[in-house]
């Protein structure tokens, strides 16, 4: 609930640490090595609106898919669990536009963070609902077979749960390749 302890500032929405930047550079190098070996490259990326995730996307996807602001899009619902923890209160839309001009921003992103609440922590069910919404929107709107999502452990865990996968403790700065087959179900009248 605090913004820091007098030595370290962790809220609101802290910058990526030097270690995080190093991890993102390692990801970028790995992408380029695997691309040279023929790995399929994502056509589109989605990213949390929190600074540490956006900075990770900019570093790790540079020269991979980050060609225009249309290639990687900031999506509100890709953010980490909302509420109480000041590190998860996002900065303004204007800040995102100014600081990350190479990223697109989904329509509907509000200027100020209207989801974060200092007095209430988001429930696991709420996070799963958000993750499901993101996955459904990707399946409906994204024609590419390969995508990248730069987000946080809580959202990754929720997305895996929604897809019927078991929990995976992804380390900070880690990458998790997931193969997903989407199917459309018809609803009977």
N, C-alpha and C. Protein backbone atom coordinates (compact mmCIF):
# COMPACT_ATOMS: atom_id res chain seq x y z
N UNK A 1 0.81 -1.19 0.00
CA UNK A 1 0.00 0.00 0.00
C UNK A 1 0.86 1.27 0.00
N UNK A 2 2.16 1.11 0.17
CA UNK A 2 3.07 2.24 0.17
C UNK A 2 3.71 2.38 -1.20
N UNK A 3 4.28 3.54 -1.48
CA UNK A 3 4.98 3.76 -2.75
C UNK A 3 6.46 3.42 -2.65
N UNK A 4 6.95 3.20 -1.44
CA UNK A 4 8.35 2.87 -1.25
C UNK A 4 8.69 2.82 0.23
N UNK A 5 9.99 2.61 0.50
CA UNK A 5 10.43 2.51 1.89
C UNK A 5 11.50 3.53 2.25
N UNK A 6 11.67 4.55 1.42
CA UNK A 6 12.70 5.54 1.65
C UNK A 6 13.99 5.24 0.89
N UNK A 7 14.19 3.98 0.53
CA UNK A 7 15.36 3.57 -0.24
C UNK A 7 14.98 3.14 -1.65
N UNK A 8 13.90 2.42 -1.74
CA UNK A 8 13.44 1.90 -3.03
C UNK A 8 12.03 2.41 -3.28
N UNK A 9 11.75 2.84 -4.51
CA UNK A 9 10.40 3.25 -4.91
C UNK A 9 9.82 2.12 -5.76
N UNK A 10 8.68 1.60 -5.33
CA UNK A 10 8.05 0.53 -6.10
C UNK A 10 6.66 0.89 -6.58
N UNK A 11 6.21 2.09 -6.33
CA UNK A 11 4.90 2.46 -6.80
C UNK A 11 4.77 3.97 -6.88
N UNK A 12 3.82 4.46 -7.60
CA UNK A 12 3.02 3.65 -8.52
C UNK A 12 3.81 3.29 -9.77
N UNK A 13 3.51 2.12 -10.31
CA UNK A 13 4.00 1.66 -11.61
C UNK A 13 5.49 1.92 -11.81
N UNK A 14 6.34 1.16 -11.13
CA UNK A 14 7.77 1.42 -11.19
C UNK A 14 8.39 1.10 -12.55
N UNK A 15 9.58 1.67 -12.74
CA UNK A 15 10.37 1.37 -13.94
C UNK A 15 10.90 -0.06 -13.85
N UNK A 16 11.31 -0.59 -14.97
CA UNK A 16 11.98 -1.87 -15.03
C UNK A 16 13.36 -1.71 -14.37
N UNK A 17 13.75 -2.65 -13.56
CA UNK A 17 15.05 -2.59 -12.89
C UNK A 17 16.17 -2.90 -13.88
N UNK A 18 17.40 -2.65 -13.46
CA UNK A 18 18.56 -2.98 -14.29
C UNK A 18 18.59 -4.49 -14.57
N UNK A 19 18.24 -5.28 -13.57
CA UNK A 19 18.18 -6.73 -13.77
C UNK A 19 17.11 -7.08 -14.81
N UNK A 20 15.96 -6.43 -14.72
CA UNK A 20 14.89 -6.67 -15.69
C UNK A 20 15.30 -6.29 -17.10
N UNK A 21 16.02 -5.18 -17.23
CA UNK A 21 16.51 -4.78 -18.55
C UNK A 21 17.48 -5.82 -19.10
N UNK A 22 18.35 -6.32 -18.24
CA UNK A 22 19.30 -7.35 -18.65
C UNK A 22 18.56 -8.61 -19.10
N UNK A 23 17.53 -9.01 -18.35
CA UNK A 23 16.74 -10.19 -18.72
C UNK A 23 16.04 -9.97 -20.06
N UNK A 24 15.55 -8.77 -20.31
CA UNK A 24 14.88 -8.47 -21.58
C UNK A 24 15.88 -8.51 -22.74
N UNK A 25 17.10 -8.04 -22.51
CA UNK A 25 18.13 -8.11 -23.56
C UNK A 25 18.49 -9.57 -23.87
N UNK A 26 18.52 -10.41 -22.84
CA UNK A 26 18.77 -11.84 -23.05
C UNK A 26 17.64 -12.44 -23.88
N UNK A 27 16.39 -12.10 -23.57
CA UNK A 27 15.25 -12.57 -24.37
C UNK A 27 15.40 -12.15 -25.82
N UNK A 28 15.79 -10.89 -26.05
CA UNK A 28 15.95 -10.38 -27.40
C UNK A 28 17.02 -11.17 -28.15
N UNK A 29 18.13 -11.43 -27.49
CA UNK A 29 19.20 -12.20 -28.10
C UNK A 29 18.75 -13.62 -28.43
N UNK A 30 18.00 -14.22 -27.52
CA UNK A 30 17.48 -15.57 -27.76
C UNK A 30 16.52 -15.58 -28.94
N UNK A 31 15.64 -14.57 -29.02
CA UNK A 31 14.72 -14.47 -30.16
C UNK A 31 15.52 -14.44 -31.46
N UNK A 32 16.54 -13.60 -31.52
CA UNK A 32 17.31 -13.45 -32.75
C UNK A 32 18.07 -14.72 -33.11
N UNK A 33 18.57 -15.43 -32.11
CA UNK A 33 19.25 -16.71 -32.35
C UNK A 33 18.25 -17.72 -32.91
N UNK A 34 17.08 -17.80 -32.28
CA UNK A 34 16.05 -18.76 -32.73
C UNK A 34 15.47 -18.38 -34.09
N UNK A 35 15.36 -17.07 -34.36
CA UNK A 35 14.88 -16.63 -35.68
C UNK A 35 15.84 -17.09 -36.77
N UNK A 36 17.14 -17.00 -36.51
CA UNK A 36 18.14 -17.44 -37.48
C UNK A 36 18.03 -18.95 -37.72
N UNK A 37 17.52 -19.68 -36.72
CA UNK A 37 17.35 -21.12 -36.85
C UNK A 37 15.97 -21.50 -37.40
N UNK A 38 15.12 -20.48 -37.68
CA UNK A 38 13.83 -20.75 -38.32
C UNK A 38 12.61 -20.78 -37.43
N UNK A 39 12.72 -20.31 -36.20
CA UNK A 39 11.54 -20.29 -35.33
C UNK A 39 10.46 -19.40 -35.95
N UNK A 40 9.18 -19.79 -35.87
CA UNK A 40 8.11 -18.90 -36.34
C UNK A 40 8.07 -17.63 -35.48
N UNK A 41 7.99 -16.50 -36.13
CA UNK A 41 8.00 -15.22 -35.43
C UNK A 41 6.57 -14.72 -35.25
N UNK A 42 6.23 -14.24 -34.07
CA UNK A 42 4.88 -13.68 -33.88
C UNK A 42 4.63 -12.54 -34.85
N UNK A 43 3.40 -12.47 -35.36
CA UNK A 43 3.02 -11.37 -36.23
C UNK A 43 2.53 -10.18 -35.42
N UNK A 44 2.13 -10.45 -34.18
CA UNK A 44 1.52 -9.40 -33.36
C UNK A 44 1.90 -9.63 -31.91
N UNK A 45 1.97 -8.54 -31.16
CA UNK A 45 2.23 -8.64 -29.74
C UNK A 45 1.21 -7.86 -28.94
N UNK A 46 0.98 -8.31 -27.74
CA UNK A 46 0.08 -7.65 -26.80
C UNK A 46 0.87 -7.44 -25.52
N UNK A 47 0.56 -6.36 -24.82
CA UNK A 47 1.39 -6.00 -23.68
C UNK A 47 0.56 -5.35 -22.58
N UNK A 48 0.96 -5.62 -21.35
CA UNK A 48 0.39 -4.96 -20.18
C UNK A 48 0.68 -3.46 -20.25
N UNK A 49 -0.20 -2.63 -19.67
CA UNK A 49 0.05 -1.18 -19.65
C UNK A 49 0.94 -0.74 -18.49
N UNK A 50 1.52 -1.68 -17.77
CA UNK A 50 2.42 -1.31 -16.69
C UNK A 50 3.82 -1.11 -17.25
N UNK A 51 4.51 -0.09 -16.76
CA UNK A 51 5.78 0.35 -17.32
C UNK A 51 6.79 -0.78 -17.44
N UNK A 52 6.92 -1.62 -16.43
CA UNK A 52 7.93 -2.68 -16.48
C UNK A 52 7.66 -3.65 -17.61
N UNK A 53 6.39 -3.93 -17.91
CA UNK A 53 6.06 -4.83 -19.01
C UNK A 53 6.28 -4.15 -20.36
N UNK A 54 5.88 -2.88 -20.47
CA UNK A 54 6.08 -2.18 -21.75
C UNK A 54 7.57 -2.04 -22.06
N UNK A 55 8.38 -1.72 -21.05
CA UNK A 55 9.82 -1.60 -21.27
C UNK A 55 10.40 -2.96 -21.67
N UNK A 56 9.92 -4.03 -21.04
CA UNK A 56 10.36 -5.39 -21.41
C UNK A 56 10.02 -5.68 -22.86
N UNK A 57 8.80 -5.34 -23.28
CA UNK A 57 8.39 -5.59 -24.67
C UNK A 57 9.26 -4.81 -25.64
N UNK A 58 9.52 -3.56 -25.34
CA UNK A 58 10.32 -2.71 -26.24
C UNK A 58 11.73 -3.28 -26.40
N UNK A 59 12.32 -3.73 -25.31
CA UNK A 59 13.69 -4.28 -25.37
C UNK A 59 13.68 -5.67 -26.00
N UNK A 60 12.83 -6.55 -25.50
CA UNK A 60 12.89 -7.96 -25.94
C UNK A 60 12.39 -8.18 -27.36
N UNK A 61 11.50 -7.33 -27.84
CA UNK A 61 10.93 -7.52 -29.18
C UNK A 61 11.54 -6.60 -30.23
N UNK A 62 12.53 -5.80 -29.86
CA UNK A 62 13.20 -4.92 -30.81
C UNK A 62 13.88 -5.75 -31.90
N UNK A 63 13.55 -5.48 -33.14
CA UNK A 63 14.12 -6.23 -34.24
C UNK A 63 13.50 -7.60 -34.43
N UNK A 64 12.50 -7.92 -33.62
CA UNK A 64 11.78 -9.19 -33.73
C UNK A 64 10.43 -8.92 -34.38
N UNK A 65 9.56 -8.22 -33.66
CA UNK A 65 8.27 -7.80 -34.24
C UNK A 65 7.99 -6.33 -34.03
N UNK A 66 8.83 -5.65 -33.30
CA UNK A 66 8.56 -4.25 -32.97
C UNK A 66 9.01 -3.36 -34.12
N UNK A 67 8.18 -3.31 -35.17
CA UNK A 67 8.50 -2.50 -36.35
C UNK A 67 7.70 -1.20 -36.39
N UNK A 68 6.44 -1.28 -36.03
CA UNK A 68 5.57 -0.10 -35.99
C UNK A 68 4.72 -0.19 -34.74
N UNK A 69 4.04 0.89 -34.41
CA UNK A 69 3.18 0.89 -33.23
C UNK A 69 1.98 -0.04 -33.39
N UNK A 70 1.77 -0.57 -34.57
CA UNK A 70 0.66 -1.50 -34.77
C UNK A 70 1.05 -2.94 -34.46
N UNK A 71 2.36 -3.21 -34.34
CA UNK A 71 2.81 -4.58 -34.11
C UNK A 71 2.64 -5.04 -32.67
N UNK A 72 2.81 -4.14 -31.71
CA UNK A 72 2.64 -4.48 -30.30
C UNK A 72 1.67 -3.47 -29.70
N UNK A 73 0.59 -3.98 -29.12
CA UNK A 73 -0.49 -3.14 -28.63
C UNK A 73 -0.64 -3.28 -27.12
N UNK A 74 -0.73 -2.16 -26.44
CA UNK A 74 -0.95 -2.13 -25.00
C UNK A 74 -2.44 -2.41 -24.74
N UNK A 75 -2.69 -3.40 -23.88
CA UNK A 75 -4.05 -3.85 -23.57
C UNK A 75 -4.27 -3.77 -22.06
N UNK A 76 -5.26 -2.99 -21.65
CA UNK A 76 -5.55 -2.79 -20.23
C UNK A 76 -5.68 -4.10 -19.47
N UNK A 77 -6.39 -5.07 -20.02
CA UNK A 77 -6.66 -6.31 -19.30
C UNK A 77 -5.47 -7.26 -19.22
N UNK A 78 -4.33 -6.91 -19.82
CA UNK A 78 -3.12 -7.72 -19.69
C UNK A 78 -2.34 -7.37 -18.43
N UNK A 79 -2.83 -6.42 -17.67
CA UNK A 79 -2.10 -5.94 -16.48
C UNK A 79 -2.18 -6.94 -15.33
N UNK A 80 -1.28 -6.75 -14.38
CA UNK A 80 -1.22 -7.60 -13.20
C UNK A 80 -2.43 -7.35 -12.32
N UNK A 81 -2.58 -8.16 -11.28
CA UNK A 81 -3.71 -8.04 -10.36
C UNK A 81 -3.86 -6.59 -9.91
N UNK A 82 -5.09 -6.13 -9.88
CA UNK A 82 -5.40 -4.75 -9.52
C UNK A 82 -5.64 -4.59 -8.03
N UNK A 83 -5.33 -3.42 -7.54
CA UNK A 83 -5.73 -3.03 -6.20
C UNK A 83 -4.66 -3.19 -5.14
N UNK A 84 -4.67 -2.27 -4.22
CA UNK A 84 -3.85 -2.20 -3.01
C UNK A 84 -2.35 -2.09 -3.29
N UNK A 85 -1.77 -2.97 -4.06
CA UNK A 85 -0.32 -2.90 -4.31
C UNK A 85 -0.04 -1.77 -5.29
N UNK A 86 0.68 -0.76 -4.83
CA UNK A 86 0.90 0.43 -5.65
C UNK A 86 1.73 0.15 -6.90
N UNK A 87 2.49 -0.93 -6.90
CA UNK A 87 3.28 -1.26 -8.10
C UNK A 87 2.37 -1.60 -9.29
N UNK A 88 1.12 -1.91 -9.02
CA UNK A 88 0.20 -2.29 -10.08
C UNK A 88 -0.80 -1.19 -10.45
N UNK A 89 -0.55 0.02 -10.00
CA UNK A 89 -1.36 1.16 -10.42
C UNK A 89 -0.67 1.76 -11.64
N UNK A 90 -1.34 1.73 -12.78
CA UNK A 90 -0.67 2.18 -14.01
C UNK A 90 -0.60 3.70 -14.11
N UNK A 91 0.31 4.12 -14.95
CA UNK A 91 0.45 5.55 -15.23
C UNK A 91 -0.60 5.97 -16.26
N UNK A 92 -0.61 7.24 -16.59
CA UNK A 92 -1.63 7.78 -17.50
C UNK A 92 -1.42 7.32 -18.94
N UNK A 93 -2.47 7.39 -19.71
CA UNK A 93 -2.40 7.09 -21.14
C UNK A 93 -1.43 8.04 -21.83
N UNK A 94 -1.43 9.30 -21.43
CA UNK A 94 -0.50 10.28 -22.01
C UNK A 94 0.95 9.88 -21.76
N UNK A 95 1.24 9.39 -20.55
CA UNK A 95 2.58 8.92 -20.24
C UNK A 95 2.96 7.77 -21.18
N UNK A 96 2.05 6.82 -21.34
CA UNK A 96 2.31 5.66 -22.21
C UNK A 96 2.59 6.12 -23.64
N UNK A 97 1.76 7.03 -24.15
CA UNK A 97 1.95 7.54 -25.50
C UNK A 97 3.28 8.26 -25.65
N UNK A 98 3.65 9.07 -24.67
CA UNK A 98 4.89 9.84 -24.74
C UNK A 98 6.13 8.96 -24.56
N UNK A 99 6.08 8.06 -23.62
CA UNK A 99 7.25 7.24 -23.27
C UNK A 99 7.44 6.04 -24.19
N UNK A 100 6.35 5.54 -24.78
CA UNK A 100 6.42 4.34 -25.61
C UNK A 100 5.73 4.57 -26.96
N UNK A 101 6.24 5.50 -27.76
CA UNK A 101 5.58 5.79 -29.05
C UNK A 101 5.61 4.62 -30.02
N UNK A 102 6.49 3.65 -29.80
CA UNK A 102 6.58 2.50 -30.68
C UNK A 102 5.49 1.45 -30.40
N UNK A 103 4.72 1.65 -29.33
CA UNK A 103 3.64 0.73 -28.98
C UNK A 103 2.30 1.33 -29.36
N UNK A 104 1.41 0.48 -29.85
CA UNK A 104 0.04 0.90 -30.08
C UNK A 104 -0.73 0.84 -28.76
N UNK A 105 -1.86 1.48 -28.72
CA UNK A 105 -2.70 1.47 -27.53
C UNK A 105 -4.11 1.09 -27.94
N UNK A 106 -4.68 0.10 -27.26
CA UNK A 106 -6.03 -0.31 -27.59
C UNK A 106 -7.00 0.86 -27.43
N UNK A 107 -8.03 0.88 -28.27
CA UNK A 107 -9.05 1.92 -28.10
C UNK A 107 -9.77 1.67 -26.78
N UNK A 108 -10.14 2.71 -26.12
CA UNK A 108 -10.85 2.55 -24.86
C UNK A 108 -9.97 2.65 -23.63
N UNK A 109 -8.63 2.68 -23.81
CA UNK A 109 -7.77 2.85 -22.64
C UNK A 109 -8.01 4.25 -22.09
N UNK A 110 -8.39 4.34 -20.84
CA UNK A 110 -8.71 5.63 -20.23
C UNK A 110 -7.44 6.40 -19.90
N UNK A 111 -7.56 7.71 -19.79
CA UNK A 111 -6.41 8.54 -19.47
C UNK A 111 -5.82 8.16 -18.12
N UNK A 112 -6.63 8.04 -17.12
CA UNK A 112 -6.17 7.65 -15.79
C UNK A 112 -6.59 6.22 -15.50
N UNK A 113 -5.92 5.60 -14.56
CA UNK A 113 -6.21 4.23 -14.17
C UNK A 113 -7.51 4.19 -13.37
N UNK A 114 -8.56 3.68 -13.97
CA UNK A 114 -9.85 3.62 -13.30
C UNK A 114 -10.11 2.26 -12.66
N UNK A 115 -9.18 1.31 -12.83
CA UNK A 115 -9.38 -0.04 -12.30
C UNK A 115 -8.72 -0.25 -10.94
N UNK A 116 -7.59 0.43 -10.70
CA UNK A 116 -6.86 0.21 -9.47
C UNK A 116 -7.61 0.85 -8.31
N UNK A 117 -7.71 0.12 -7.19
CA UNK A 117 -8.43 0.59 -6.01
C UNK A 117 -7.52 0.38 -4.80
N UNK A 118 -7.23 1.46 -4.08
CA UNK A 118 -6.33 1.38 -2.93
C UNK A 118 -6.89 0.52 -1.81
N UNK A 119 -8.21 0.30 -1.79
CA UNK A 119 -8.84 -0.40 -0.69
C UNK A 119 -9.30 -1.82 -1.00
N UNK A 120 -9.17 -2.23 -2.26
CA UNK A 120 -9.70 -3.55 -2.62
C UNK A 120 -8.75 -4.26 -3.59
N UNK A 121 -8.41 -5.49 -3.27
CA UNK A 121 -7.57 -6.32 -4.14
C UNK A 121 -8.48 -7.15 -5.03
N UNK A 122 -8.15 -7.20 -6.29
CA UNK A 122 -8.91 -7.97 -7.27
C UNK A 122 -8.89 -9.46 -6.91
N UNK A 123 -10.02 -10.14 -7.11
CA UNK A 123 -10.10 -11.57 -6.80
C UNK A 123 -9.50 -12.40 -7.93
N UNK A 124 -9.15 -13.65 -7.62
CA UNK A 124 -8.63 -14.58 -8.62
C UNK A 124 -9.65 -14.79 -9.74
N UNK A 125 -10.91 -14.84 -9.39
CA UNK A 125 -11.96 -15.00 -10.40
C UNK A 125 -12.00 -13.80 -11.35
N UNK A 126 -11.80 -12.61 -10.81
CA UNK A 126 -11.75 -11.41 -11.65
C UNK A 126 -10.58 -11.45 -12.62
N UNK A 127 -9.42 -11.90 -12.14
CA UNK A 127 -8.24 -11.99 -13.00
C UNK A 127 -8.47 -13.02 -14.09
N UNK A 128 -9.07 -14.14 -13.75
CA UNK A 128 -9.37 -15.17 -14.76
C UNK A 128 -10.35 -14.63 -15.81
N UNK A 129 -11.33 -13.85 -15.37
CA UNK A 129 -12.28 -13.25 -16.31
C UNK A 129 -11.56 -12.31 -17.28
N UNK A 130 -10.65 -11.51 -16.76
CA UNK A 130 -9.88 -10.61 -17.61
C UNK A 130 -9.02 -11.39 -18.60
N UNK A 131 -8.36 -12.44 -18.11
CA UNK A 131 -7.50 -13.27 -18.98
C UNK A 131 -8.35 -13.92 -20.08
N UNK A 132 -9.52 -14.41 -19.73
CA UNK A 132 -10.41 -15.02 -20.73
C UNK A 132 -10.81 -13.98 -21.78
N UNK A 133 -11.12 -12.78 -21.33
CA UNK A 133 -11.51 -11.70 -22.24
C UNK A 133 -10.38 -11.40 -23.23
N UNK A 134 -9.15 -11.32 -22.74
CA UNK A 134 -8.00 -11.06 -23.61
C UNK A 134 -7.84 -12.19 -24.63
N UNK A 135 -7.88 -13.42 -24.16
CA UNK A 135 -7.71 -14.56 -25.07
C UNK A 135 -8.82 -14.60 -26.12
N UNK A 136 -10.05 -14.38 -25.71
CA UNK A 136 -11.17 -14.38 -26.67
C UNK A 136 -11.00 -13.27 -27.70
N UNK A 137 -10.61 -12.08 -27.26
CA UNK A 137 -10.42 -10.96 -28.19
C UNK A 137 -9.31 -11.28 -29.19
N UNK A 138 -8.25 -11.92 -28.74
CA UNK A 138 -7.17 -12.29 -29.65
C UNK A 138 -7.66 -13.28 -30.68
N UNK A 139 -8.39 -14.30 -30.25
CA UNK A 139 -8.89 -15.31 -31.19
C UNK A 139 -9.87 -14.73 -32.20
N UNK A 140 -10.66 -13.77 -31.77
CA UNK A 140 -11.65 -13.17 -32.68
C UNK A 140 -11.01 -12.16 -33.62
N UNK A 141 -10.06 -11.38 -33.13
CA UNK A 141 -9.56 -10.24 -33.90
C UNK A 141 -8.19 -10.40 -34.54
N UNK A 142 -7.45 -11.42 -34.17
CA UNK A 142 -6.08 -11.54 -34.66
C UNK A 142 -5.95 -12.71 -35.62
N UNK A 143 -5.68 -12.44 -36.89
CA UNK A 143 -5.63 -13.52 -37.87
C UNK A 143 -4.34 -14.34 -37.84
N UNK A 144 -3.31 -13.83 -37.20
CA UNK A 144 -2.01 -14.51 -37.22
C UNK A 144 -1.98 -15.75 -36.35
N UNK A 145 -1.23 -16.76 -36.78
CA UNK A 145 -1.14 -17.96 -35.96
C UNK A 145 -0.18 -17.83 -34.78
N UNK A 146 0.71 -16.83 -34.81
CA UNK A 146 1.70 -16.68 -33.74
C UNK A 146 1.61 -15.29 -33.15
N UNK A 147 1.49 -15.24 -31.82
CA UNK A 147 1.41 -13.96 -31.13
C UNK A 147 2.35 -13.98 -29.93
N UNK A 148 2.61 -12.81 -29.40
CA UNK A 148 3.42 -12.65 -28.20
C UNK A 148 2.60 -11.84 -27.20
N UNK A 149 2.63 -12.25 -25.94
CA UNK A 149 1.98 -11.49 -24.88
C UNK A 149 3.03 -11.20 -23.80
N UNK A 150 3.26 -9.93 -23.54
CA UNK A 150 4.21 -9.52 -22.49
C UNK A 150 3.37 -9.07 -21.31
N UNK A 151 3.38 -9.87 -20.26
CA UNK A 151 2.52 -9.59 -19.12
C UNK A 151 3.16 -10.07 -17.83
N UNK A 152 2.38 -10.37 -16.83
CA UNK A 152 2.84 -10.64 -15.48
C UNK A 152 2.42 -12.04 -15.03
N UNK A 153 3.08 -12.54 -14.00
CA UNK A 153 2.86 -13.91 -13.53
C UNK A 153 1.40 -14.19 -13.19
N UNK A 154 0.72 -13.23 -12.54
CA UNK A 154 -0.67 -13.46 -12.16
C UNK A 154 -1.58 -13.66 -13.37
N UNK A 155 -1.38 -12.85 -14.38
CA UNK A 155 -2.20 -12.96 -15.60
C UNK A 155 -1.84 -14.22 -16.37
N UNK A 156 -0.56 -14.57 -16.40
CA UNK A 156 -0.15 -15.81 -17.07
C UNK A 156 -0.79 -17.00 -16.38
N UNK A 157 -0.74 -17.02 -15.05
CA UNK A 157 -1.36 -18.11 -14.31
C UNK A 157 -2.86 -18.20 -14.57
N UNK A 158 -3.52 -17.05 -14.62
CA UNK A 158 -4.96 -17.02 -14.89
C UNK A 158 -5.27 -17.51 -16.30
N UNK A 159 -4.46 -17.09 -17.28
CA UNK A 159 -4.67 -17.52 -18.66
C UNK A 159 -4.48 -19.03 -18.79
N UNK A 160 -3.44 -19.56 -18.14
CA UNK A 160 -3.24 -21.01 -18.17
C UNK A 160 -4.43 -21.73 -17.56
N UNK A 161 -4.95 -21.21 -16.45
CA UNK A 161 -6.10 -21.81 -15.80
C UNK A 161 -7.32 -21.80 -16.71
N UNK A 162 -7.55 -20.68 -17.38
CA UNK A 162 -8.69 -20.55 -18.29
C UNK A 162 -8.57 -21.56 -19.44
N UNK A 163 -7.33 -21.82 -19.88
CA UNK A 163 -7.12 -22.77 -20.98
C UNK A 163 -7.10 -24.21 -20.51
N UNK A 164 -7.30 -24.43 -19.21
CA UNK A 164 -7.31 -25.79 -18.69
C UNK A 164 -5.92 -26.35 -18.44
N UNK A 165 -4.93 -25.49 -18.41
CA UNK A 165 -3.55 -25.93 -18.18
C UNK A 165 -3.25 -25.83 -16.69
N UNK A 166 -2.28 -26.61 -16.25
CA UNK A 166 -1.89 -26.55 -14.84
C UNK A 166 -1.02 -25.32 -14.59
N UNK A 167 -0.94 -24.95 -13.33
CA UNK A 167 -0.17 -23.78 -12.92
C UNK A 167 1.30 -23.99 -13.26
N UNK A 168 1.94 -22.92 -13.69
CA UNK A 168 3.36 -22.94 -13.97
C UNK A 168 3.98 -21.72 -13.33
N UNK A 169 4.96 -21.92 -12.47
CA UNK A 169 5.61 -20.81 -11.77
C UNK A 169 6.69 -20.21 -12.68
N UNK A 170 6.29 -19.29 -13.53
CA UNK A 170 7.22 -18.65 -14.45
C UNK A 170 8.11 -17.70 -13.66
N UNK A 171 9.43 -17.86 -13.79
CA UNK A 171 10.31 -16.94 -13.06
C UNK A 171 10.26 -15.54 -13.66
N UNK A 172 10.60 -14.55 -12.87
CA UNK A 172 10.65 -13.17 -13.35
C UNK A 172 11.59 -13.11 -14.55
N UNK A 173 11.13 -12.48 -15.62
CA UNK A 173 11.94 -12.37 -16.83
C UNK A 173 11.90 -13.62 -17.69
N UNK A 174 11.09 -14.58 -17.32
CA UNK A 174 11.01 -15.83 -18.06
C UNK A 174 10.11 -15.76 -19.27
N UNK A 175 10.24 -16.77 -20.12
CA UNK A 175 9.43 -16.90 -21.33
C UNK A 175 8.75 -18.25 -21.29
N UNK A 176 7.49 -18.29 -21.63
CA UNK A 176 6.73 -19.54 -21.64
C UNK A 176 6.04 -19.69 -22.99
N UNK A 177 6.55 -20.58 -23.86
CA UNK A 177 5.84 -20.84 -25.11
C UNK A 177 4.63 -21.73 -24.83
N UNK A 178 3.50 -21.37 -25.39
CA UNK A 178 2.27 -22.14 -25.19
C UNK A 178 1.62 -22.33 -26.55
N UNK A 179 1.22 -23.56 -26.83
CA UNK A 179 0.47 -23.86 -28.06
C UNK A 179 -0.99 -23.96 -27.67
N UNK A 180 -1.82 -23.17 -28.34
CA UNK A 180 -3.24 -23.12 -28.04
C UNK A 180 -4.02 -23.34 -29.33
N UNK A 181 -5.00 -24.21 -29.27
CA UNK A 181 -5.88 -24.39 -30.42
C UNK A 181 -7.24 -23.84 -30.01
N UNK A 182 -7.69 -22.85 -30.75
CA UNK A 182 -8.99 -22.26 -30.46
C UNK A 182 -10.08 -22.94 -31.28
N UNK A 183 -11.18 -23.18 -30.65
CA UNK A 183 -12.33 -23.75 -31.35
C UNK A 183 -13.54 -22.89 -31.06
N UNK A 184 -14.44 -22.87 -32.03
CA UNK A 184 -15.68 -22.12 -31.87
C UNK A 184 -16.79 -23.12 -31.63
N UNK A 185 -17.56 -22.86 -30.61
CA UNK A 185 -18.70 -23.72 -30.31
C UNK A 185 -19.97 -23.02 -30.75
N UNK A 186 -20.84 -23.75 -31.40
CA UNK A 186 -22.13 -23.17 -31.76
C UNK A 186 -23.08 -23.38 -30.61
N UNK A 187 -23.89 -22.37 -30.36
CA UNK A 187 -24.87 -22.45 -29.28
C UNK A 187 -26.20 -22.88 -29.86
N UNK A 188 -26.78 -23.90 -29.27
CA UNK A 188 -28.08 -24.38 -29.72
C UNK A 188 -29.18 -23.47 -29.23
N UNK A 189 -30.20 -23.29 -30.03
CA UNK A 189 -31.31 -22.44 -29.62
C UNK A 189 -32.25 -23.18 -28.73
